[in-house]
Each structure stands twice: as C-alpha cells, then as structure tokens.
Amino acid sequence: MTTTHTHSFPNWPFSDAVDVLTYSTSKVVHQRFPILQVAHDWDGNWQFLDATTEEPGDGVLLCLGCVYERDSTLAEISDLPRGWGAFRPHVGAQWERWEKPPEADPREEKALSDIAAYGLHIINVSATEESPPFSYSLGIEQSLGMPELIVVGLRAEVGQAAINACYEQMQAGTVMAPGTRVADLLGGGFECLIGEVSDARRKEYMGWTSWLYKEADFRAWQIIFPSTTGVFPWEPQASDWFRDWQPLLAD
C-alpha cells in the first residue's frame, strides 16, 4: 500500500502533494462510484468521496496518482487550500468550494478515547485490487512504552484480534523482541513471529501514527503469521501469492 506519493503523470496538478495520505470510500475503490466530494484536510491529507457520506467510509487508502489517473477532472480542484472542501453534482459539473472551520475530527477523538480507556486504538485498512488488508495499533508506545503493532494480510476482525491478543501478552509481561515466536494470537495452534518494521514502511503503512506521535520517535513491530501449512513467507515452500499477500516490512 503506497501512501507516500510520487508521480510520473504528465501535467501533474498536485504540486504540493508529497508525503500525504489519500483517503477514499469502498464505493469509490471497489464499486467505481464517481468522486463528487473532496476535502483537503488541515494536515494536508486528501479525501475523495462519493458524496453518499461525509466520512471516508471504512478508511480505504488510495494512491493519489491512481485517483488522478482514474479521473483527470480532479485537476480542477488541485489548488484547493488546506481546510477547504468542494462538491459537484456530477462529473463534469462546476465545483462548489467552501472553507471548513477547524474542528475536532471524530476519528481522532475516538482514537484518543480508546487509548485512554484500553491502552490502544486499532486502524483497519481494507484490501484493494492491488494491496492486501492490514491492521495496526496506535498508543502502545504511550501506554506500555513498547512498539506499535501491525499485521498485513488478515481481514479486519482477525487482524484486530491478533493485535489485541499480542497487546494483552505485552501487558502481562511476556518478553518480546524481533525474532520472538508468540503463541495464541490466531486459532489453530499456530505461532506467529515478531518482525521489525523500517521507518520507511512505517510511514507507508501506518499513516495515523504520524498524527499521534508528530515528530516523536517510536517503534513498530510486525506480527508475521504462517500459512495454514505452517510456512512463513520467507521459506522456500511459500507461494508467490502468500509472499505478496503478507509483505515483510523490515526493509
């Protein structure tokens, strides 16, 4: 999943759109709904919505270049200032623009509330045609002084359960480090492995951590799970599909 956006499109209009996150809805990504509502958030990130909701649905991340390649008419709002929104009734119509006053983001309030109550908040990102689903934590570094967790390739409810189970073991004092095998995160008696997450991969996959930690240093670990036959992605027996579905984030 790419969320740090470079581009090679001719006449690229988003001149300041580097190292930003691009949110969309599952209807836009999976059902090809037209983009009718756009928000340029105060933090510089973009939301491309289908106008059936003012929230970005289930939080699908989409490459900004892919959005522009799909609908080049979005160039008309590429100069939308931060903190502004735009709407059009149909593709090809004139955009109506308005300034949005700064206000608390309910997603941020929910994340902070969960961290205060439970010690962590979990972000689930849906799969796209090109990328697997993934889930990651916010707040573990704050609540326990231990790395955040991410798991790639599991559907939301399974990934979230694995992170919660790993967090409970952290709370209980289980010693963990990269290379540690951890039991009881998934059913079937399988052990998972703790892996490193590089800074570049953390920025690519774990966008909300930049909001929570700002410039503060923090760490992240990947929960790596085996196939149903007990094979890990780096082993010779692993299929190409399994390697692609669960990329290793250490590099």
C-alpha atoms as a PDB file:
ATOM      1  CA  MET A   1       0.000   0.000   0.000  1.00  0.00           C
ATOM      2  CA  THR A   2       1.572   3.253  -1.092  1.00  0.00           C
ATOM      3  CA  THR A   3       0.692   6.369   0.838  1.00  0.00           C
ATOM      4  CA  THR A   4       3.834   8.382   0.132  1.00  0.00           C
ATOM      5  CA  HIS A   5       3.035   9.727  -3.269  1.00  0.00           C
ATOM      6  CA  THR A   6       5.396  10.339  -6.112  1.00  0.00           C
ATOM      7  CA  HIS A   7       4.162  10.595  -9.671  1.00  0.00           C
ATOM      8  CA  SER A   8       5.149  10.454 -13.311  1.00  0.00           C
ATOM      9  CA  PHE A   9       1.885  11.665 -14.835  1.00  0.00           C
ATOM     10  CA  PRO A  10       2.039  14.419 -17.460  1.00  0.00           C
ATOM     11  CA  ASN A  11       0.710  17.799 -16.380  1.00  0.00           C
ATOM     12  CA  TRP A  12       0.552  16.642 -12.756  1.00  0.00           C
ATOM     13  CA  PRO A  13      -1.505  19.299 -10.940  1.00  0.00           C
ATOM     14  CA  PHE A  14      -0.983  18.409  -7.257  1.00  0.00           C
ATOM     15  CA  SER A  15       2.272  20.290  -6.852  1.00  0.00           C
ATOM     16  CA  ASP A  16       2.419  20.082  -3.032  1.00  0.00           C
ATOM     17  CA  ALA A  17       1.068  16.523  -2.701  1.00  0.00           C
ATOM     18  CA  VAL A  18       4.159  14.779  -1.349  1.00  0.00           C
ATOM     19  CA  ASP A  19       4.120  12.569   1.770  1.00  0.00           C
ATOM     20  CA  VAL A  20       0.358  12.912   2.196  1.00  0.00           C
ATOM     21  CA  LEU A  21      -2.360  10.358   2.788  1.00  0.00           C
ATOM     22  CA  THR A  22      -5.231   9.917   0.345  1.00  0.00           C
ATOM     23  CA  TYR A  23      -8.447   8.554   1.820  1.00  0.00           C
ATOM     24  CA  SER A  24     -11.439   7.303  -0.098  1.00  0.00           C
ATOM     25  CA  THR A  25     -14.501   5.096   0.350  1.00  0.00           C
ATOM     26  CA  SER A  26     -15.010   1.455  -0.532  1.00  0.00           C
ATOM     27  CA  LYS A  27     -17.680   2.556  -3.024  1.00  0.00           C
ATOM     28  CA  VAL A  28     -15.133   4.653  -4.919  1.00  0.00           C
ATOM     29  CA  VAL A  29     -12.435   1.984  -4.776  1.00  0.00           C
ATOM     30  CA  HIS A  30     -14.438  -1.197  -5.292  1.00  0.00           C
ATOM     31  CA  GLN A  31     -17.689  -0.103  -6.970  1.00  0.00           C
ATOM     32  CA  ARG A  32     -16.252   2.715  -9.077  1.00  0.00           C
ATOM     33  CA  PHE A  33     -18.615   5.371  -7.732  1.00  0.00           C
ATOM     34  CA  PRO A  34     -17.722   8.822  -9.128  1.00  0.00           C
ATOM     35  CA  ILE A  35     -15.805  11.232  -6.910  1.00  0.00           C
ATOM     36  CA  LEU A  36     -18.183  14.102  -6.190  1.00  0.00           C
ATOM     37  CA  GLN A  37     -16.905  15.489  -2.894  1.00  0.00           C
ATOM     38  CA  VAL A  38     -13.326  16.373  -1.992  1.00  0.00           C
ATOM     39  CA  ALA A  39     -11.767  17.595   1.238  1.00  0.00           C
ATOM     40  CA  HIS A  40      -8.234  18.938   1.649  1.00  0.00           C
ATOM     41  CA  ASP A  41      -7.675  18.416   5.354  1.00  0.00           C
ATOM     42  CA  TRP A  42      -5.839  20.819   7.613  1.00  0.00           C
ATOM     43  CA  ASP A  43      -2.985  18.305   7.939  1.00  0.00           C
ATOM     44  CA  GLY A  44      -2.529  18.260   4.152  1.00  0.00           C
ATOM     45  CA  ASN A  45      -4.157  14.897   3.517  1.00  0.00           C
ATOM     46  CA  TRP A  46      -6.915  14.467   0.911  1.00  0.00           C
ATOM     47  CA  GLN A  47     -10.320  12.800   0.987  1.00  0.00           C
ATOM     48  CA  PHE A  48     -12.004  11.771  -2.276  1.00  0.00           C
ATOM     49  CA  LEU A  49     -15.577  10.749  -1.500  1.00  0.00           C
ATOM     50  CA  ASP A  50     -18.633   9.603  -3.422  1.00  0.00           C
ATOM     51  CA  ALA A  51     -20.989  12.118  -1.710  1.00  0.00           C
ATOM     52  CA  THR A  52     -23.103   9.390  -0.109  1.00  0.00           C
ATOM     53  CA  THR A  53     -21.390  10.208   3.197  1.00  0.00           C
ATOM     54  CA  GLU A  54     -19.204  12.927   4.629  1.00  0.00           C
ATOM     55  CA  GLU A  55     -16.953  10.366   6.275  1.00  0.00           C
ATOM     56  CA  PRO A  56     -14.315   8.332   4.390  1.00  0.00           C
ATOM     57  CA  GLY A  57     -16.221   5.080   4.806  1.00  0.00           C
ATOM     58  CA  ASP A  58     -14.095   2.242   6.067  1.00  0.00           C
ATOM     59  CA  GLY A  59     -10.884   4.161   5.672  1.00  0.00           C
ATOM     60  CA  VAL A  60      -9.627   2.872   2.315  1.00  0.00           C
ATOM     61  CA  LEU A  61      -6.259   4.345   1.379  1.00  0.00           C
ATOM     62  CA  LEU A  62      -5.760   5.068  -2.296  1.00  0.00           C
ATOM     63  CA  CYS A  63      -2.731   6.270  -4.229  1.00  0.00           C
ATOM     64  CA  LEU A  64      -3.207   9.928  -5.201  1.00  0.00           C
ATOM     65  CA  GLY A  65      -1.735   9.223  -8.606  1.00  0.00           C
ATOM     66  CA  CYS A  66      -4.270   6.423  -9.077  1.00  0.00           C
ATOM     67  CA  VAL A  67      -7.108   8.811  -8.220  1.00  0.00           C
ATOM     68  CA  TYR A  68      -5.892  11.358 -10.738  1.00  0.00           C
ATOM     69  CA  GLU A  69      -5.287   8.711 -13.401  1.00  0.00           C
ATOM     70  CA  ARG A  70      -8.857   7.472 -12.950  1.00  0.00           C
ATOM     71  CA  ASP A  71     -10.412  10.966 -13.117  1.00  0.00           C
ATOM     72  CA  SER A  72      -8.242  13.722 -14.555  1.00  0.00           C
ATOM     73  CA  THR A  73     -11.022  16.292 -13.986  1.00  0.00           C
ATOM     74  CA  LEU A  74      -9.829  16.360 -10.359  1.00  0.00           C
ATOM     75  CA  ALA A  75      -7.102  18.682 -11.616  1.00  0.00           C
ATOM     76  CA  GLU A  76      -9.764  21.400 -11.350  1.00  0.00           C
ATOM     77  CA  ILE A  77      -9.572  21.274  -7.531  1.00  0.00           C
ATOM     78  CA  SER A  78      -5.843  20.526  -7.189  1.00  0.00           C
ATOM     79  CA  ASP A  79      -5.345  24.069  -5.876  1.00  0.00           C
ATOM     80  CA  LEU A  80      -7.930  23.558  -3.112  1.00  0.00           C
ATOM     81  CA  PRO A  81      -6.373  25.117   0.017  1.00  0.00           C
ATOM     82  CA  ARG A  82      -5.953  23.157   3.216  1.00  0.00           C
ATOM     83  CA  GLY A  83      -9.106  23.279   5.290  1.00  0.00           C
ATOM     84  CA  TRP A  84     -11.370  23.599   2.239  1.00  0.00           C
ATOM     85  CA  GLY A  85     -13.937  21.261   0.702  1.00  0.00           C
ATOM     86  CA  ALA A  86     -15.520  21.032  -2.745  1.00  0.00           C
ATOM     87  CA  PHE A  87     -18.624  19.410  -4.227  1.00  0.00           C
ATOM     88  CA  ARG A  88     -20.057  18.802  -7.695  1.00  0.00           C
ATOM     89  CA  PRO A  89     -23.405  17.156  -8.534  1.00  0.00           C
ATOM     90  CA  HIS A  90     -21.858  15.027 -11.296  1.00  0.00           C
ATOM     91  CA  VAL A  91     -18.567  14.540 -13.112  1.00  0.00           C
ATOM     92  CA  GLY A  92     -18.021  17.452 -15.446  1.00  0.00           C
ATOM     93  CA  ALA A  93     -20.087  19.908 -13.390  1.00  0.00           C
ATOM     94  CA  GLN A  94     -18.558  23.016 -11.854  1.00  0.00           C
ATOM     95  CA  TRP A  95     -17.119  22.550  -8.373  1.00  0.00           C
ATOM     96  CA  GLU A  96     -18.636  24.462  -5.465  1.00  0.00           C
ATOM     97  CA  ARG A  97     -15.957  25.339  -2.893  1.00  0.00           C
ATOM     98  CA  TRP A  98     -16.182  26.311   0.761  1.00  0.00           C
ATOM     99  CA  GLU A  99     -13.854  26.839   3.693  1.00  0.00           C
ATOM    100  CA  LYS A 100     -14.243  24.392   6.561  1.00  0.00           C
ATOM    101  CA  PRO A 101     -13.609  25.768  10.048  1.00  0.00           C
ATOM    102  CA  PRO A 102     -11.064  23.874  12.135  1.00  0.00           C
ATOM    103  CA  GLU A 103     -12.861  21.339  14.296  1.00  0.00           C
ATOM    104  CA  ALA A 104     -12.197  18.168  16.184  1.00  0.00           C
ATOM    105  CA  ASP A 105     -12.048  15.126  13.949  1.00  0.00           C
ATOM    106  CA  PRO A 106     -14.344  12.422  15.399  1.00  0.00           C
ATOM    107  CA  ARG A 107     -11.873   9.764  14.255  1.00  0.00           C
ATOM    108  CA  GLU A 108      -9.144  11.459  16.286  1.00  0.00           C
ATOM    109  CA  GLU A 109     -11.441  11.756  19.305  1.00  0.00           C
ATOM    110  CA  LYS A 110     -12.289   8.051  19.037  1.00  0.00           C
ATOM    111  CA  ALA A 111      -8.616   7.091  18.817  1.00  0.00           C
ATOM    112  CA  LEU A 112      -7.667   9.170  21.864  1.00  0.00           C
ATOM    113  CA  SER A 113     -10.651   7.829  23.818  1.00  0.00           C
ATOM    114  CA  ASP A 114      -9.692   4.217  23.060  1.00  0.00           C
ATOM    115  CA  ILE A 115      -6.054   4.814  24.010  1.00  0.00           C
ATOM    116  CA  ALA A 116      -7.124   6.357  27.310  1.00  0.00           C
ATOM    117  CA  ALA A 117      -9.569   3.533  28.070  1.00  0.00           C
ATOM    118  CA  TYR A 118      -7.811   0.473  26.652  1.00  0.00           C
ATOM    119  CA  GLY A 119      -4.211   1.480  26.005  1.00  0.00           C
ATOM    120  CA  LEU A 120      -4.502   1.284  22.233  1.00  0.00           C
ATOM    121  CA  HIS A 121      -6.657   2.037  19.204  1.00  0.00           C
ATOM    122  CA  ILE A 122      -6.630  -0.146  16.078  1.00  0.00           C
ATOM    123  CA  ILE A 123      -6.855   1.089  12.491  1.00  0.00           C
ATOM    124  CA  ASN A 124      -8.176  -1.368   9.883  1.00  0.00           C
ATOM    125  CA  VAL A 125      -7.462  -0.713   6.202  1.00  0.00           C
ATOM    126  CA  SER A 126      -9.396  -2.643   3.574  1.00  0.00           C
ATOM    127  CA  ALA A 127      -7.841  -4.547   0.703  1.00  0.00           C
ATOM    128  CA  THR A 128      -7.794  -3.094  -2.793  1.00  0.00           C
ATOM    129  CA  GLU A 129      -7.291  -4.794  -6.133  1.00  0.00           C
ATOM    130  CA  GLU A 130      -3.541  -4.249  -5.748  1.00  0.00           C
ATOM    131  CA  SER A 131      -2.951  -4.412  -1.990  1.00  0.00           C
ATOM    132  CA  PRO A 132      -3.820  -6.700   0.934  1.00  0.00           C
ATOM    133  CA  PRO A 133      -5.741  -5.560   4.013  1.00  0.00           C
ATOM    134  CA  PHE A 134      -3.827  -4.605   7.125  1.00  0.00           C
ATOM    135  CA  SER A 135      -4.419  -3.528  10.721  1.00  0.00           C
ATOM    136  CA  TYR A 136      -2.187  -1.562  13.057  1.00  0.00           C
ATOM    137  CA  SER A 137      -2.198  -0.083  16.540  1.00  0.00           C
ATOM    138  CA  LEU A 138      -1.965   3.413  17.923  1.00  0.00           C
ATOM    139  CA  GLY A 139      -0.971   4.111  21.520  1.00  0.00           C
ATOM    140  CA  ILE A 140       1.060   1.101  22.680  1.00  0.00           C
ATOM    141  CA  GLU A 141       4.246   3.171  22.788  1.00  0.00           C
ATOM    142  CA  GLN A 142       2.399   5.646  25.018  1.00  0.00           C
ATOM    143  CA  SER A 143       0.634   3.175  27.289  1.00  0.00           C
ATOM    144  CA  LEU A 144       3.304   0.463  27.652  1.00  0.00           C
ATOM    145  CA  GLY A 145       6.475   2.005  26.266  1.00  0.00           C
ATOM    146  CA  MET A 146       6.585  -0.831  23.713  1.00  0.00           C
ATOM    147  CA  PRO A 147       6.409  -0.794  19.907  1.00  0.00           C
ATOM    148  CA  GLU A 148       3.210  -0.382  17.940  1.00  0.00           C
ATOM    149  CA  LEU A 149       1.958  -3.491  16.131  1.00  0.00           C
ATOM    150  CA  ILE A 150       0.922  -4.128  12.538  1.00  0.00           C
ATOM    151  CA  VAL A 151      -0.310  -7.248  10.765  1.00  0.00           C
ATOM    152  CA  VAL A 152      -0.706  -7.442   6.980  1.00  0.00           C
ATOM    153  CA  GLY A 153      -2.899  -9.859   5.056  1.00  0.00           C
ATOM    154  CA  LEU A 154      -5.658 -10.653   7.551  1.00  0.00           C
ATOM    155  CA  ARG A 155      -9.235  -9.436   7.348  1.00  0.00           C
ATOM    156  CA  ALA A 156     -10.075  -6.690   9.823  1.00  0.00           C
ATOM    157  CA  GLU A 157     -11.665  -8.741  12.603  1.00  0.00           C
ATOM    158  CA  VAL A 158      -8.860 -11.317  12.583  1.00  0.00           C
ATOM    159  CA  GLY A 159      -6.069  -8.748  12.394  1.00  0.00           C
ATOM    160  CA  GLN A 160      -7.628  -6.706  15.176  1.00  0.00           C
ATOM    161  CA  ALA A 161      -7.995  -9.788  17.372  1.00  0.00           C
ATOM    162  CA  ALA A 162      -4.342 -10.735  16.782  1.00  0.00           C
ATOM    163  CA  ILE A 163      -3.142  -7.259  17.780  1.00  0.00           C
ATOM    164  CA  ASN A 164      -5.341  -7.225  20.889  1.00  0.00           C
ATOM    165  CA  ALA A 165      -4.084 -10.676  21.919  1.00  0.00           C
ATOM    166  CA  CYS A 166      -0.464  -9.618  21.430  1.00  0.00           C
ATOM    167  CA  TYR A 167      -1.085  -6.439  23.419  1.00  0.00           C
ATOM    168  CA  GLU A 168      -2.561  -8.454  26.279  1.00  0.00           C
ATOM    169  CA  GLN A 169       0.593 -10.579  26.372  1.00  0.00           C
ATOM    170  CA  MET A 170       2.692  -7.406  26.399  1.00  0.00           C
ATOM    171  CA  GLN A 171       0.649  -6.140  29.354  1.00  0.00           C
ATOM    172  CA  ALA A 172       1.161  -9.450  31.157  1.00  0.00           C
ATOM    173  CA  GLY A 173       4.928  -9.075  30.867  1.00  0.00           C
ATOM    174  CA  THR A 174       5.678 -11.523  28.052  1.00  0.00           C
ATOM    175  CA  VAL A 175       9.173 -10.772  26.776  1.00  0.00           C
ATOM    176  CA  MET A 176       9.108  -9.945  23.074  1.00  0.00           C
ATOM    177  CA  ALA A 177      11.656  -8.831  20.514  1.00  0.00           C
ATOM    178  CA  PRO A 178      12.134  -9.247  16.771  1.00  0.00           C
ATOM    179  CA  GLY A 179      12.512 -12.960  16.153  1.00  0.00           C
ATOM    180  CA  THR A 180      10.311 -13.986  19.106  1.00  0.00           C
ATOM    181  CA  ARG A 181       7.651 -16.616  18.417  1.00  0.00           C
ATOM    182  CA  VAL A 182       4.325 -15.782  20.041  1.00  0.00           C
ATOM    183  CA  ALA A 183       1.510 -18.285  20.549  1.00  0.00           C
ATOM    184  CA  ASP A 184      -2.245 -17.783  20.921  1.00  0.00           C
ATOM    185  CA  LEU A 185      -2.631 -14.856  18.522  1.00  0.00           C
ATOM    186  CA  LEU A 186      -4.502 -16.924  15.951  1.00  0.00           C
ATOM    187  CA  GLY A 187      -6.591 -20.056  16.151  1.00  0.00           C
ATOM    188  CA  GLY A 188      -5.350 -23.467  15.162  1.00  0.00           C
ATOM    189  CA  GLY A 189      -2.340 -23.528  17.461  1.00  0.00           C
ATOM    190  CA  PHE A 190      -0.133 -21.552  15.065  1.00  0.00           C
ATOM    191  CA  GLU A 191       2.715 -19.433  16.401  1.00  0.00           C
ATOM    192  CA  CYS A 192       3.376 -16.007  14.905  1.00  0.00           C
ATOM    193  CA  LEU A 193       6.736 -14.290  14.668  1.00  0.00           C
ATOM    194  CA  ILE A 194       7.600 -10.735  15.685  1.00  0.00           C
ATOM    195  CA  GLY A 195       9.403  -8.795  12.947  1.00  0.00           C
ATOM    196  CA  GLU A 196      10.954  -5.362  12.570  1.00  0.00           C
ATOM    197  CA  VAL A 197       9.240  -2.501  10.714  1.00  0.00           C
ATOM    198  CA  SER A 198      11.502   0.008   8.987  1.00  0.00           C
ATOM    199  CA  ASP A 199      10.871   3.739   9.224  1.00  0.00           C
ATOM    200  CA  ALA A 200      10.044   3.886   5.523  1.00  0.00           C
ATOM    201  CA  ARG A 201       7.497   1.068   5.797  1.00  0.00           C
ATOM    202  CA  ARG A 202       6.018   2.562   8.959  1.00  0.00           C
ATOM    203  CA  LYS A 203       5.363   5.827   7.115  1.00  0.00           C
ATOM    204  CA  GLU A 204       3.962   3.911   4.146  1.00  0.00           C
ATOM    205  CA  TYR A 205       1.543   1.712   6.079  1.00  0.00           C
ATOM    206  CA  MET A 206       0.930   3.357   9.451  1.00  0.00           C
ATOM    207  CA  GLY A 207      -0.178   6.847   8.466  1.00  0.00           C
ATOM    208  CA  TRP A 208      -2.119   7.633  11.633  1.00  0.00           C
ATOM    209  CA  THR A 209       0.986   7.191  13.770  1.00  0.00           C
ATOM    210  CA  SER A 210       2.323  10.444  12.292  1.00  0.00           C
ATOM    211  CA  TRP A 211      -0.763  12.202  13.635  1.00  0.00           C
ATOM    212  CA  LEU A 212      -0.401  10.694  17.125  1.00  0.00           C
ATOM    213  CA  TYR A 213       3.351  10.966  17.613  1.00  0.00           C
ATOM    214  CA  LYS A 214       4.102  14.019  15.471  1.00  0.00           C
ATOM    215  CA  GLU A 215       7.927  14.209  15.472  1.00  0.00           C
ATOM    216  CA  ALA A 216       8.459  11.940  18.478  1.00  0.00           C
ATOM    217  CA  ASP A 217      10.394   8.722  17.991  1.00  0.00           C
ATOM    218  CA  PHE A 218       8.575   5.430  18.329  1.00  0.00           C
ATOM    219  CA  ARG A 219       8.984   1.849  17.187  1.00  0.00           C
ATOM    220  CA  ALA A 220       6.801  -0.666  15.379  1.00  0.00           C
ATOM    221  CA  TRP A 221       6.771  -4.454  15.077  1.00  0.00           C
ATOM    222  CA  GLN A 222       5.080  -6.661  12.529  1.00  0.00           C
ATOM    223  CA  ILE A 223       3.094  -9.715  13.584  1.00  0.00           C
ATOM    224  CA  ILE A 224       4.029 -12.264  10.917  1.00  0.00           C
ATOM    225  CA  PHE A 225       1.750 -15.279  10.604  1.00  0.00           C
ATOM    226  CA  PRO A 226       2.377 -18.601   8.824  1.00  0.00           C
ATOM    227  CA  SER A 227       0.240 -20.189   6.145  1.00  0.00           C
ATOM    228  CA  THR A 228      -2.272 -22.860   7.082  1.00  0.00           C
ATOM    229  CA  THR A 229       0.515 -25.392   6.482  1.00  0.00           C
ATOM    230  CA  GLY A 230       2.829 -23.603   8.923  1.00  0.00           C
ATOM    231  CA  VAL A 231       5.056 -21.952   6.303  1.00  0.00           C
ATOM    232  CA  PHE A 232       6.338 -18.381   6.747  1.00  0.00           C
ATOM    233  CA  PRO A 233       6.665 -16.016   3.760  1.00  0.00           C
ATOM    234  CA  TRP A 234      10.471 -16.249   3.534  1.00  0.00           C
ATOM    235  CA  GLU A 235      10.562 -20.036   3.424  1.00  0.00           C
ATOM    236  CA  PRO A 236      11.109 -21.820   0.077  1.00  0.00           C
ATOM    237  CA  GLN A 237       7.782 -23.627   0.342  1.00  0.00           C
ATOM    238  CA  ALA A 238       5.844 -20.327   0.499  1.00  0.00           C
ATOM    239  CA  SER A 239       3.814 -19.491  -2.591  1.00  0.00           C
ATOM    240  CA  ASP A 240       4.333 -16.248  -4.507  1.00  0.00           C
ATOM    241  CA  TRP A 241       0.768 -15.291  -3.630  1.00  0.00           C
ATOM    242  CA  PHE A 242       1.436 -15.693   0.104  1.00  0.00           C
ATOM    243  CA  ARG A 243       4.636 -13.617  -0.121  1.00  0.00           C
ATOM    244  CA  ASP A 244       2.778 -10.846  -1.935  1.00  0.00           C
ATOM    245  CA  TRP A 245      -0.210 -11.010   0.432  1.00  0.00           C
ATOM    246  CA  GLN A 246       1.999 -10.625   3.518  1.00  0.00           C
ATOM    247  CA  PRO A 247       4.982  -8.434   2.589  1.00  0.00           C
ATOM    248  CA  LEU A 248       7.721  -8.188   5.182  1.00  0.00           C
ATOM    249  CA  LEU A 249       8.134  -4.624   6.453  1.00  0.00           C
ATOM    250  CA  ALA A 250      11.707  -4.722   7.759  1.00  0.00           C
ATOM    251  CA  ASP A 251      13.204  -3.220   4.572  1.00  0.00           C
END
